[in-house]
Every structure is written in C-alpha cells, then in structure tokens.
Amino acid sequence: MPTTIVLVRHGETDWNRENRFQGHADTRLNDAGRAQARALARELEPESFAAIYSSPLLRAYETATILAERRTLPVERMNALLEVDVGSWSGLTRVEVDARFPEGYSRWLEFGHGWEDGETYEELGERVVSGLLQLAEAHPRGSVLAVTHGGPIRSALAAAEGVPFDEARRSIHVVGNCAVVRLAVRNGELERVD
C-alpha cells in the first residue's frame, strides 16, 4: 500500500489578492485566507493523518495550524515545502516586474525562467520531490498532510505526470488557495490520485 500525501496550498494573502510575487516573503493570511482554511479543516475532518507538515513560511504554517486545531498532531515545518525563491521579484506586481525586468518578464510570460536570482524551476522540483519522498519513507502506508505553495504543488504534479519541471508552468494550471491535491508514493515514484 502506498503512502498518500495530501498537498494543500495555503489560504489567501493580501499579496495573492494584489497579484504580487511572494516567493520566500513571509506574508500572513488575510481574513479570507483564514476562512478558507477553516472551511477546509471542516472538509478534511473525517480523514486521519499520520503527520502534518508545513512550509515554514507564515502563510502556509498558519493554514496548517488551522487545519491541525482539532487534531492531536503537531505541525512540523519542512524547508522542502517552501515556495520557489523568486529573488528580486518578491513583493512586486507583474506591472512592476515588467517595468524593472522587461527581458526576464518576457521570458517568464513565454514560460521560461524570468528572475536572474533566486531559484530555478529545476531546483524547486528537485527539492520538492526529494522532500515528498522523505515524507513517504518516514510514513510508509500512511496518509500525510503537507501544506505548501503553488510552485511546489505544480512541481509535484509535474513529477507525477512525467512533465519536466521547467515545462510545468505551461502544462499544469495554478491551483487555488486552499486547494487540495492528492498524490501517492509507490516504489519511490509520485502518482496523482485525484
């Protein structure tokens, strides 16, 4: 029997609403994001988990804490679940990025790598997949809840679907705030469940 990993994207932040690149910026949930997390906690209530993990960034950790409120499990922070590091684009809107980094922004719009600093999509994908496989090793045949960000979820889906990490933005759509994606880890490979 495989390990099931239930990936959850964090609830909404003001920067989500403002369409700002967040990356490693430590933004908090807004009221809508906390309401999304409470609604998801009710939805996930019938499920049992062997463990709950979270990106250390506040928006994910706050979401995970809300999801864990009625459970006896602690929330464990895991760096592998961090969002992609967008470097100098962090905190900027698309209009601001286009004004400051027009060549990089054009590449990014064409699904290439835009920022000059920070992390590549390949680095993100390798980090995320390695972390998810570690979770599966730690919890064989169990179900694990992992609260993370849009970039890591896309990378995990890319691995499960056999899509190169740098192509994931082109073929795998963004998941919404507090969206759930279920994966299985079988024989060291990620598989999509839902």
Foldseek 3Di string as FASTA:
>chain_A
DWEKEKEWEFFDFVCVVVQAAAAQPQTAHDPRRLVLLLVVLVVCVVDDFPAEEEAPRHRQQVSSCSSCVPPPHDYHHDNLQGGFHLDPRHPPHLVVCCVVQVVLSVCVVVLAHRHPDTDHLQRNLVSLLVVVLVVCVVPPPTYYYYYHHQSSVLSLVCQQVVHRRSCSPVPPDTDHHGDIWMWTQDPSGIHGDD
